[in-house]
PDB file of N, CA and C in Angstrom:
ATOM      1  N   MET A   1     146.452 -65.479 172.116  1.00  0.00           N
ATOM      2  CA  MET A   1     145.976 -64.178 171.719  1.00  0.00           C
ATOM      3  C   MET A   1     145.955 -64.037 170.197  1.00  0.00           C
ATOM      4  N   VAL A   2     147.005 -64.455 169.508  1.00  0.00           N
ATOM      5  CA  VAL A   2     147.109 -64.307 168.072  1.00  0.00           C
ATOM      6  C   VAL A   2     146.012 -65.189 167.380  1.00  0.00           C
ATOM      7  N   VAL A   3     145.784 -66.403 167.848  1.00  0.00           N
ATOM      8  CA  VAL A   3     144.788 -67.298 167.285  1.00  0.00           C
ATOM      9  C   VAL A   3     143.391 -66.648 167.464  1.00  0.00           C
ATOM     10  N   ALA A   4     143.149 -66.114 168.651  1.00  0.00           N
ATOM     11  CA  ALA A   4     141.830 -65.413 168.941  1.00  0.00           C
ATOM     12  C   ALA A   4     141.626 -64.283 167.892  1.00  0.00           C
ATOM     13  N   GLU A   5     142.670 -63.509 167.632  1.00  0.00           N
ATOM     14  CA  GLU A   5     142.595 -62.376 166.703  1.00  0.00           C
ATOM     15  C   GLU A   5     142.187 -62.879 165.317  1.00  0.00           C
ATOM     16  N   VAL A   6     142.861 -63.976 164.881  1.00  0.00           N
ATOM     17  CA  VAL A   6     142.587 -64.582 163.567  1.00  0.00           C
ATOM     18  C   VAL A   6     141.170 -65.039 163.473  1.00  0.00           C
ATOM     19  N   ILE A   7     140.647 -65.750 164.488  1.00  0.00           N
ATOM     20  CA  ILE A   7     139.317 -66.294 164.473  1.00  0.00           C
ATOM     21  C   ILE A   7     138.345 -65.124 164.500  1.00  0.00           C
ATOM     22  N   ASP A   8     138.585 -64.101 165.268  1.00  0.00           N
ATOM     23  CA  ASP A   8     137.675 -62.985 165.332  1.00  0.00           C
ATOM     24  C   ASP A   8     137.624 -62.237 163.991  1.00  0.00           C
ATOM     25  N   ALA A   9     138.763 -62.057 163.348  1.00  0.00           N
ATOM     26  CA  ALA A   9     138.786 -61.372 162.041  1.00  0.00           C
ATOM     27  C   ALA A   9     138.080 -62.210 161.014  1.00  0.00           C
ATOM     28  N   SER A  10     138.291 -63.501 161.011  1.00  0.00           N
ATOM     29  CA  SER A  10     137.647 -64.387 160.076  1.00  0.00           C
ATOM     30  C   SER A  10     136.116 -64.325 160.246  1.00  0.00           C
ATOM     31  N   LYS A  11     135.644 -64.334 161.483  1.00  0.00           N
ATOM     32  CA  LYS A  11     134.178 -64.271 161.808  1.00  0.00           C
ATOM     33  C   LYS A  11     133.617 -62.938 161.310  1.00  0.00           C
ATOM     34  N   ARG A  12     134.307 -61.868 161.558  1.00  0.00           N
ATOM     35  CA  ARG A  12     133.796 -60.548 161.110  1.00  0.00           C
ATOM     36  C   ARG A  12     133.666 -60.530 159.595  1.00  0.00           C
ATOM     37  N   ILE A  13     134.636 -61.109 158.885  1.00  0.00           N
ATOM     38  CA  ILE A  13     134.575 -61.118 157.457  1.00  0.00           C
ATOM     39  C   ILE A  13     133.400 -61.922 156.922  1.00  0.00           C
ATOM     40  N   LYS A  14     133.214 -63.070 157.527  1.00  0.00           N
ATOM     41  CA  LYS A  14     132.111 -63.963 157.166  1.00  0.00           C
ATOM     42  C   LYS A  14     130.787 -63.403 157.415  1.00  0.00           C
ATOM     43  N   ASP A  15     130.640 -62.622 158.566  1.00  0.00           N
ATOM     44  CA  ASP A  15     129.409 -62.070 158.977  1.00  0.00           C
ATOM     45  C   ASP A  15     129.008 -60.805 158.183  1.00  0.00           C
ATOM     46  N   ALA A  16     129.971 -60.208 157.545  1.00  0.00           N
ATOM     47  CA  ALA A  16     129.694 -58.981 156.809  1.00  0.00           C
ATOM     48  C   ALA A  16     128.716 -59.223 155.642  1.00  0.00           C
ATOM     49  N   LYS A  17     127.832 -58.255 155.392  1.00  0.00           N
ATOM     50  CA  LYS A  17     126.857 -58.449 154.304  1.00  0.00           C
ATOM     51  C   LYS A  17     127.611 -58.537 152.964  1.00  0.00           C
ATOM     52  N   ASN A  18     128.562 -57.655 152.763  1.00  0.00           N
ATOM     53  CA  ASN A  18     129.310 -57.675 151.509  1.00  0.00           C
ATOM     54  C   ASN A  18     130.659 -58.382 151.745  1.00  0.00           C
ATOM     55  N   GLY A  19     130.617 -59.659 151.973  1.00  0.00           N
ATOM     56  CA  GLY A  19     131.757 -60.450 152.401  1.00  0.00           C
ATOM     57  C   GLY A  19     132.948 -60.404 151.430  1.00  0.00           C
ATOM     58  N   THR A  20     132.657 -60.508 150.174  1.00  0.00           N
ATOM     59  CA  THR A  20     133.789 -60.598 149.193  1.00  0.00           C
ATOM     60  C   THR A  20     134.554 -59.251 149.142  1.00  0.00           C
ATOM     61  N   SER A  21     133.793 -58.158 149.174  1.00  0.00           N
ATOM     62  CA  SER A  21     134.388 -56.831 149.156  1.00  0.00           C
ATOM     63  C   SER A  21     135.269 -56.627 150.442  1.00  0.00           C
ATOM     64  N   ASP A  22     134.690 -57.055 151.580  1.00  0.00           N
ATOM     65  CA  ASP A  22     135.389 -56.920 152.853  1.00  0.00           C
ATOM     66  C   ASP A  22     136.649 -57.746 152.841  1.00  0.00           C
ATOM     67  N   MET A  23     136.557 -58.981 152.281  1.00  0.00           N
ATOM     68  CA  MET A  23     137.769 -59.849 152.212  1.00  0.00           C
ATOM     69  C   MET A  23     138.843 -59.208 151.375  1.00  0.00           C
ATOM     70  N   LYS A  24     138.474 -58.692 150.214  1.00  0.00           N
ATOM     71  CA  LYS A  24     139.457 -58.056 149.371  1.00  0.00           C
ATOM     72  C   LYS A  24     140.096 -56.868 150.100  1.00  0.00           C
ATOM     73  N   SER A  25     139.324 -56.065 150.746  1.00  0.00           N
ATOM     74  CA  SER A  25     139.872 -54.923 151.496  1.00  0.00           C
ATOM     75  C   SER A  25     140.847 -55.361 152.549  1.00  0.00           C
ATOM     76  N   ARG A  26     140.407 -56.372 153.350  1.00  0.00           N
ATOM     77  CA  ARG A  26     141.285 -56.893 154.426  1.00  0.00           C
ATOM     78  C   ARG A  26     142.516 -57.530 153.877  1.00  0.00           C
ATOM     79  N   LEU A  27     142.419 -58.207 152.739  1.00  0.00           N
ATOM     80  CA  LEU A  27     143.605 -58.822 152.136  1.00  0.00           C
ATOM     81  C   LEU A  27     144.611 -57.766 151.696  1.00  0.00           C
ATOM     82  N   ALA A  28     144.077 -56.656 151.127  1.00  0.00           N
ATOM     83  CA  ALA A  28     144.940 -55.560 150.723  1.00  0.00           C
ATOM     84  C   ALA A  28     145.609 -54.963 151.983  1.00  0.00           C
ATOM     85  N   GLU A  29     144.841 -54.858 153.068  1.00  0.00           N
ATOM     86  CA  GLU A  29     145.429 -54.302 154.300  1.00  0.00           C
ATOM     87  C   GLU A  29     146.528 -55.297 154.805  1.00  0.00           C
ATOM     88  N   ILE A  30     146.289 -56.579 154.778  1.00  0.00           N
ATOM     89  CA  ILE A  30     147.235 -57.554 155.243  1.00  0.00           C
ATOM     90  C   ILE A  30     148.531 -57.442 154.406  1.00  0.00           C
ATOM     91  N   THR A  31     148.375 -57.365 153.095  1.00  0.00           N
ATOM     92  CA  THR A  31     149.531 -57.202 152.191  1.00  0.00           C
ATOM     93  C   THR A  31     150.366 -56.009 152.568  1.00  0.00           C
ATOM     94  N   ALA A  32     149.711 -54.887 152.864  1.00  0.00           N
ATOM     95  CA  ALA A  32     150.430 -53.681 153.258  1.00  0.00           C
ATOM     96  C   ALA A  32     151.142 -53.885 154.609  1.00  0.00           C
ATOM     97  N   LEU A  33     150.424 -54.533 155.579  1.00  0.00           N
ATOM     98  CA  LEU A  33     151.028 -54.781 156.848  1.00  0.00           C
ATOM     99  C   LEU A  33     152.279 -55.731 156.755  1.00  0.00           C
ATOM    100  N   MET A  34     152.221 -56.627 155.793  1.00  0.00           N
ATOM    101  CA  MET A  34     153.326 -57.595 155.644  1.00  0.00           C
ATOM    102  C   MET A  34     154.599 -56.860 155.235  1.00  0.00           C
ATOM    103  N   SER A  35     154.478 -55.714 154.551  1.00  0.00           N
ATOM    104  CA  SER A  35     155.632 -54.997 154.073  1.00  0.00           C
ATOM    105  C   SER A  35     156.267 -54.178 155.207  1.00  0.00           C
ATOM    106  N   ASP A  36     155.496 -53.884 156.207  1.00  0.00           N
ATOM    107  CA  ASP A  36     156.039 -53.132 157.370  1.00  0.00           C
ATOM    108  C   ASP A  36     156.971 -53.965 158.211  1.00  0.00           C
ATOM    109  N   PRO A  37     158.002 -53.352 158.755  1.00  0.00           N
ATOM    110  CA  PRO A  37     158.876 -54.111 159.617  1.00  0.00           C
ATOM    111  C   PRO A  37     158.079 -54.585 160.837  1.00  0.00           C
ATOM    112  N   THR A  38     157.989 -55.851 161.056  1.00  0.00           N
ATOM    113  CA  THR A  38     157.194 -56.376 162.166  1.00  0.00           C
ATOM    114  C   THR A  38     157.809 -57.694 162.575  1.00  0.00           C
ATOM    115  N   THR A  39     157.355 -58.231 163.676  1.00  0.00           N
ATOM    116  CA  THR A  39     157.892 -59.473 164.153  1.00  0.00           C
ATOM    117  C   THR A  39     157.457 -60.643 163.271  1.00  0.00           C
ATOM    118  N   ALA A  40     158.253 -61.696 163.232  1.00  0.00           N
ATOM    119  CA  ALA A  40     157.971 -62.879 162.463  1.00  0.00           C
ATOM    120  C   ALA A  40     156.600 -63.435 162.922  1.00  0.00           C
ATOM    121  N   GLU A  41     156.368 -63.491 164.194  1.00  0.00           N
ATOM    122  CA  GLU A  41     155.115 -64.022 164.762  1.00  0.00           C
ATOM    123  C   GLU A  41     153.884 -63.245 164.189  1.00  0.00           C
ATOM    124  N   ARG A  42     153.991 -61.940 164.130  1.00  0.00           N
ATOM    125  CA  ARG A  42     152.877 -61.137 163.582  1.00  0.00           C
ATOM    126  C   ARG A  42     152.677 -61.439 162.102  1.00  0.00           C
ATOM    127  N   ARG A  43     153.773 -61.597 161.321  1.00  0.00           N
ATOM    128  CA  ARG A  43     153.615 -61.885 159.876  1.00  0.00           C
ATOM    129  C   ARG A  43     152.922 -63.245 159.724  1.00  0.00           C
ATOM    130  N   VAL A  44     153.299 -64.200 160.549  1.00  0.00           N
ATOM    131  CA  VAL A  44     152.634 -65.511 160.444  1.00  0.00           C
ATOM    132  C   VAL A  44     151.161 -65.423 160.819  1.00  0.00           C
ATOM    133  N   SER A  45     150.807 -64.637 161.800  1.00  0.00           N
ATOM    134  CA  SER A  45     149.354 -64.464 162.182  1.00  0.00           C
ATOM    135  C   SER A  45     148.602 -63.817 161.042  1.00  0.00           C
ATOM    136  N   LEU A  46     149.222 -62.847 160.358  1.00  0.00           N
ATOM    137  CA  LEU A  46     148.562 -62.221 159.207  1.00  0.00           C
ATOM    138  C   LEU A  46     148.386 -63.219 158.077  1.00  0.00           C
ATOM    139  N   CYS A  47     149.340 -64.047 157.882  1.00  0.00           N
ATOM    140  CA  CYS A  47     149.194 -65.104 156.844  1.00  0.00           C
ATOM    141  C   CYS A  47     148.076 -66.095 157.181  1.00  0.00           C
ATOM    142  N   GLN A  48     148.005 -66.428 158.458  1.00  0.00           N
ATOM    143  CA  GLN A  48     146.929 -67.340 158.930  1.00  0.00           C
ATOM    144  C   GLN A  48     145.567 -66.682 158.713  1.00  0.00           C
ATOM    145  N   GLU A  49     145.510 -65.415 158.989  1.00  0.00           N
ATOM    146  CA  GLU A  49     144.210 -64.766 158.770  1.00  0.00           C
ATOM    147  C   GLU A  49     143.852 -64.766 157.232  1.00  0.00           C
ATOM    148  N   ALA A  50     144.830 -64.512 156.387  1.00  0.00           N
ATOM    149  CA  ALA A  50     144.597 -64.559 154.939  1.00  0.00           C
ATOM    150  C   ALA A  50     144.139 -65.969 154.492  1.00  0.00           C
ATOM    151  N   MET A  51     144.741 -67.000 155.088  1.00  0.00           N
ATOM    152  CA  MET A  51     144.384 -68.357 154.783  1.00  0.00           C
ATOM    153  C   MET A  51     142.937 -68.659 155.256  1.00  0.00           C
ATOM    154  N   ALA A  52     142.584 -68.117 156.403  1.00  0.00           N
ATOM    155  CA  ALA A  52     141.201 -68.312 156.882  1.00  0.00           C
ATOM    156  C   ALA A  52     140.155 -67.765 155.947  1.00  0.00           C
ATOM    157  N   MET A  53     140.569 -66.725 155.186  1.00  0.00           N
ATOM    158  CA  MET A  53     139.674 -66.148 154.184  1.00  0.00           C
ATOM    159  C   MET A  53     139.342 -67.127 153.102  1.00  0.00           C
ATOM    160  N   GLY A  54     140.244 -68.108 152.930  1.00  0.00           N
ATOM    161  CA  GLY A  54     139.981 -69.151 151.906  1.00  0.00           C
ATOM    162  C   GLY A  54     138.786 -69.986 152.181  1.00  0.00           C
ATOM    163  N   ASP A  55     138.250 -69.918 153.421  1.00  0.00           N
ATOM    164  CA  ASP A  55     137.107 -70.654 153.808  1.00  0.00           C
ATOM    165  C   ASP A  55     135.815 -69.816 153.665  1.00  0.00           C
ATOM    166  N   GLY A  56     135.958 -68.630 153.064  1.00  0.00           N
ATOM    167  CA  GLY A  56     134.817 -67.724 152.955  1.00  0.00           C
ATOM    168  C   GLY A  56     133.880 -68.036 151.784  1.00  0.00           C
ATOM    169  N   ALA A  57     133.458 -66.948 151.195  1.00  0.00           N
ATOM    170  CA  ALA A  57     132.430 -67.072 150.141  1.00  0.00           C
ATOM    171  C   ALA A  57     132.813 -67.963 148.977  1.00  0.00           C
ATOM    172  N   GLU A  58     131.824 -68.647 148.459  1.00  0.00           N
ATOM    173  CA  GLU A  58     132.025 -69.587 147.350  1.00  0.00           C
ATOM    174  C   GLU A  58     132.530 -68.811 146.168  1.00  0.00           C
ATOM    175  N   GLY A  59     133.477 -69.351 145.418  1.00  0.00           N
ATOM    176  CA  GLY A  59     134.034 -68.676 144.261  1.00  0.00           C
ATOM    177  C   GLY A  59     135.249 -67.837 144.584  1.00  0.00           C
ATOM    178  N   THR A  60     135.441 -67.532 145.839  1.00  0.00           N
ATOM    179  CA  THR A  60     136.646 -66.724 146.203  1.00  0.00           C
ATOM    180  C   THR A  60     137.686 -67.598 146.924  1.00  0.00           C
ATOM    181  N   LYS A  61     137.269 -68.865 147.206  1.00  0.00           N
ATOM    182  CA  LYS A  61     138.165 -69.732 148.007  1.00  0.00           C
ATOM    183  C   LYS A  61     139.540 -69.902 147.344  1.00  0.00           C
ATOM    184  N   THR A  62     139.572 -70.265 146.082  1.00  0.00           N
ATOM    185  CA  THR A  62     140.836 -70.511 145.439  1.00  0.00           C
ATOM    186  C   THR A  62     141.643 -69.227 145.378  1.00  0.00           C
ATOM    187  N   PHE A  63     141.020 -68.105 145.049  1.00  0.00           N
ATOM    188  CA  PHE A  63     141.664 -66.835 144.932  1.00  0.00           C
ATOM    189  C   PHE A  63     142.386 -66.435 146.229  1.00  0.00           C
ATOM    190  N   PHE A  64     141.675 -66.542 147.363  1.00  0.00           N
ATOM    191  CA  PHE A  64     142.248 -66.151 148.620  1.00  0.00           C
ATOM    192  C   PHE A  64     143.240 -67.158 149.101  1.00  0.00           C
ATOM    193  N   SER A  65     143.027 -68.467 148.889  1.00  0.00           N
ATOM    194  CA  SER A  65     143.950 -69.506 149.335  1.00  0.00           C
ATOM    195  C   SER A  65     145.296 -69.349 148.637  1.00  0.00           C
ATOM    196  N   ARG A  66     145.241 -69.148 147.348  1.00  0.00           N
ATOM    197  CA  ARG A  66     146.522 -68.941 146.599  1.00  0.00           C
ATOM    198  C   ARG A  66     147.245 -67.692 147.039  1.00  0.00           C
ATOM    199  N   ARG A  67     146.523 -66.640 147.221  1.00  0.00           N
ATOM    200  CA  ARG A  67     147.118 -65.390 147.675  1.00  0.00           C
ATOM    201  C   ARG A  67     147.736 -65.529 149.027  1.00  0.00           C
ATOM    202  N   ALA A  68     147.023 -66.287 149.926  1.00  0.00           N
ATOM    203  CA  ALA A  68     147.547 -66.529 151.269  1.00  0.00           C
ATOM    204  C   ALA A  68     148.829 -67.344 151.166  1.00  0.00           C
ATOM    205  N   ARG A  69     148.857 -68.347 150.289  1.00  0.00           N
ATOM    206  CA  ARG A  69     150.108 -69.126 150.113  1.00  0.00           C
ATOM    207  C   ARG A  69     151.280 -68.268 149.660  1.00  0.00           C
ATOM    208  N   VAL A  70     151.004 -67.279 148.783  1.00  0.00           N
ATOM    209  CA  VAL A  70     152.047 -66.379 148.335  1.00  0.00           C
ATOM    210  C   VAL A  70     152.526 -65.555 149.496  1.00  0.00           C
ATOM    211  N   LEU A  71     151.620 -65.042 150.339  1.00  0.00           N
ATOM    212  CA  LEU A  71     152.019 -64.247 151.487  1.00  0.00           C
ATOM    213  C   LEU A  71     152.863 -65.113 152.457  1.00  0.00           C
ATOM    214  N   MET A  72     152.460 -66.368 152.648  1.00  0.00           N
ATOM    215  CA  MET A  72     153.231 -67.243 153.532  1.00  0.00           C
ATOM    216  C   MET A  72     154.643 -67.504 153.017  1.00  0.00           C
ATOM    217  N   CYS A  73     154.753 -67.744 151.738  1.00  0.00           N
ATOM    218  CA  CYS A  73     156.094 -67.950 151.109  1.00  0.00           C
ATOM    219  C   CYS A  73     156.949 -66.721 151.280  1.00  0.00           C
ATOM    220  N   GLU A  74     156.369 -65.539 151.003  1.00  0.00           N
ATOM    221  CA  GLU A  74     157.173 -64.308 151.173  1.00  0.00           C
ATOM    222  C   GLU A  74     157.555 -64.119 152.615  1.00  0.00           C
ATOM    223  N   ASN A  75     156.680 -64.439 153.530  1.00  0.00           N
ATOM    224  CA  ASN A  75     157.014 -64.326 154.977  1.00  0.00           C
ATOM    225  C   ASN A  75     158.131 -65.235 155.332  1.00  0.00           C
ATOM    226  N   LEU A  76     158.075 -66.493 154.876  1.00  0.00           N
ATOM    227  CA  LEU A  76     159.087 -67.465 155.253  1.00  0.00           C
ATOM    228  C   LEU A  76     160.457 -67.051 154.646  1.00  0.00           C
ATOM    229  N   ILE A  77     160.430 -66.486 153.463  1.00  0.00           N
ATOM    230  CA  ILE A  77     161.668 -66.017 152.837  1.00  0.00           C
ATOM    231  C   ILE A  77     162.231 -64.880 153.623  1.00  0.00           C
ATOM    232  N   MET A  78     161.402 -63.969 154.028  1.00  0.00           N
ATOM    233  CA  MET A  78     161.848 -62.803 154.846  1.00  0.00           C
ATOM    234  C   MET A  78     162.459 -63.261 156.158  1.00  0.00           C
ATOM    235  N   CYS A  79     161.880 -64.321 156.706  1.00  0.00           N
ATOM    236  CA  CYS A  79     162.387 -64.824 157.996  1.00  0.00           C
ATOM    237  C   CYS A  79     163.626 -65.714 157.805  1.00  0.00           C
ATOM    238  N   GLY A  80     163.981 -65.988 156.560  1.00  0.00           N
ATOM    239  CA  GLY A  80     165.159 -66.817 156.268  1.00  0.00           C
ATOM    240  C   GLY A  80     164.906 -68.303 156.533  1.00  0.00           C
ATOM    241  N   ARG A  81     163.662 -68.729 156.567  1.00  0.00           N
ATOM    242  CA  ARG A  81     163.343 -70.107 156.891  1.00  0.00           C
ATOM    243  C   ARG A  81     163.051 -70.973 155.664  1.00  0.00           C
ATOM    244  N   PHE A  82     162.930 -70.297 154.487  1.00  0.00           N
ATOM    245  CA  PHE A  82     162.418 -71.055 153.354  1.00  0.00           C
ATOM    246  C   PHE A  82     163.157 -70.557 152.089  1.00  0.00           C
ATOM    247  N   ARG A  83     164.450 -70.475 152.173  1.00  0.00           N
ATOM    248  CA  ARG A  83     165.200 -69.875 151.053  1.00  0.00           C
ATOM    249  C   ARG A  83     165.037 -70.547 149.735  1.00  0.00           C
ATOM    250  N   GLU A  84     164.866 -71.881 149.784  1.00  0.00           N
ATOM    251  CA  GLU A  84     164.715 -72.659 148.523  1.00  0.00           C
ATOM    252  C   GLU A  84     163.325 -72.424 147.888  1.00  0.00           C
ATOM    253  N   SER A  85     162.484 -71.640 148.508  1.00  0.00           N
ATOM    254  CA  SER A  85     161.121 -71.446 147.990  1.00  0.00           C
ATOM    255  C   SER A  85     160.979 -70.339 146.989  1.00  0.00           C
ATOM    256  N   SER A  86     162.047 -69.668 146.612  1.00  0.00           N
ATOM    257  CA  SER A  86     161.851 -68.483 145.775  1.00  0.00           C
ATOM    258  C   SER A  86     161.192 -68.948 144.425  1.00  0.00           C
ATOM    259  N   GLU A  87     161.499 -70.109 143.922  1.00  0.00           N
ATOM    260  CA  GLU A  87     160.880 -70.547 142.682  1.00  0.00           C
ATOM    261  C   GLU A  87     159.393 -70.815 142.930  1.00  0.00           C
ATOM    262  N   ILE A  88     159.060 -71.380 144.060  1.00  0.00           N
ATOM    263  CA  ILE A  88     157.652 -71.651 144.404  1.00  0.00           C
ATOM    264  C   ILE A  88     156.894 -70.325 144.578  1.00  0.00           C
ATOM    265  N   ALA A  89     157.531 -69.370 145.234  1.00  0.00           N
ATOM    266  CA  ALA A  89     156.910 -68.049 145.457  1.00  0.00           C
ATOM    267  C   ALA A  89     156.651 -67.364 144.135  1.00  0.00           C
ATOM    268  N   GLU A  90     157.637 -67.402 143.230  1.00  0.00           N
ATOM    269  CA  GLU A  90     157.487 -66.719 141.927  1.00  0.00           C
ATOM    270  C   GLU A  90     156.321 -67.372 141.159  1.00  0.00           C
ATOM    271  N   SER A  91     156.219 -68.676 141.239  1.00  0.00           N
ATOM    272  CA  SER A  91     155.103 -69.382 140.541  1.00  0.00           C
ATOM    273  C   SER A  91     153.759 -68.981 141.142  1.00  0.00           C
ATOM    274  N   LEU A  92     153.676 -68.897 142.469  1.00  0.00           N
ATOM    275  CA  LEU A  92     152.434 -68.496 143.144  1.00  0.00           C
ATOM    276  C   LEU A  92     152.124 -67.040 142.804  1.00  0.00           C
ATOM    277  N   LEU A  93     153.095 -66.152 142.776  1.00  0.00           N
ATOM    278  CA  LEU A  93     152.871 -64.778 142.406  1.00  0.00           C
ATOM    279  C   LEU A  93     152.287 -64.633 141.010  1.00  0.00           C
ATOM    280  N   ALA A  94     152.820 -65.444 140.094  1.00  0.00           N
ATOM    281  CA  ALA A  94     152.255 -65.474 138.766  1.00  0.00           C
ATOM    282  C   ALA A  94     150.808 -65.891 138.718  1.00  0.00           C
ATOM    283  N   GLU A  95     150.450 -66.913 139.499  1.00  0.00           N
ATOM    284  CA  GLU A  95     149.076 -67.391 139.625  1.00  0.00           C
ATOM    285  C   GLU A  95     148.157 -66.271 140.172  1.00  0.00           C
ATOM    286  N   VAL A  96     148.613 -65.572 141.179  1.00  0.00           N
ATOM    287  CA  VAL A  96     147.834 -64.507 141.801  1.00  0.00           C
ATOM    288  C   VAL A  96     147.606 -63.386 140.802  1.00  0.00           C
ATOM    289  N   LYS A  97     148.628 -63.031 140.057  1.00  0.00           N
ATOM    290  CA  LYS A  97     148.488 -61.949 139.033  1.00  0.00           C
ATOM    291  C   LYS A  97     147.451 -62.396 137.991  1.00  0.00           C
ATOM    292  N   LEU A  98     147.441 -63.633 137.588  1.00  0.00           N
ATOM    293  CA  LEU A  98     146.480 -64.170 136.664  1.00  0.00           C
ATOM    294  C   LEU A  98     145.089 -64.147 137.262  1.00  0.00           C
ATOM    295  N   LEU A  99     144.947 -64.550 138.542  1.00  0.00           N
ATOM    296  CA  LEU A  99     143.657 -64.495 139.186  1.00  0.00           C
ATOM    297  C   LEU A  99     143.144 -63.048 139.310  1.00  0.00           C
ATOM    298  N   ASP A 100     144.076 -62.098 139.581  1.00  0.00           N
ATOM    299  CA  ASP A 100     143.710 -60.708 139.714  1.00  0.00           C
ATOM    300  C   ASP A 100     143.090 -60.199 138.374  1.00  0.00           C
ATOM    301  N   MET A 101     143.778 -60.583 137.287  1.00  0.00           N
ATOM    302  CA  MET A 101     143.350 -60.108 136.000  1.00  0.00           C
ATOM    303  C   MET A 101     141.913 -60.708 135.642  1.00  0.00           C
ATOM    304  N   LYS A 102     141.722 -61.995 135.998  1.00  0.00           N
ATOM    305  CA  LYS A 102     140.417 -62.613 135.756  1.00  0.00           C
ATOM    306  C   LYS A 102     139.308 -62.021 136.592  1.00  0.00           C
ATOM    307  N   SER A 103     139.651 -61.527 137.777  1.00  0.00           N
ATOM    308  CA  SER A 103     138.601 -60.981 138.675  1.00  0.00           C
ATOM    309  C   SER A 103     138.192 -59.571 138.289  1.00  0.00           C
ATOM    310  N   MET A 104     138.890 -58.907 137.449  1.00  0.00           N
ATOM    311  CA  MET A 104     138.579 -57.535 137.042  1.00  0.00           C
ATOM    312  C   MET A 104     137.409 -57.514 136.075  1.00  0.00           C
TER     313      MET A 104
END
């Protein structure tokens, strides 16, 4: 079920006329959902959806792939599975902030 949801969401984003705008909106929505108390499985599926966005429109692939990796690191830290990754997560967060500034 979770995989089907991710594939469906990815297809909707790719099929949208204004794909980049839709991807940014959905990524913001995913980020908000990640902060809500939810199951580890749901957080992982949200991260997978964000990573699927990395396959979208040309020029946005790196932006979304890096942001998805940040979400995944945060998720794994919250789940207590990736404690040693705080340095990696901080590095990725810095990259995303830089990408955000460049995209404005």
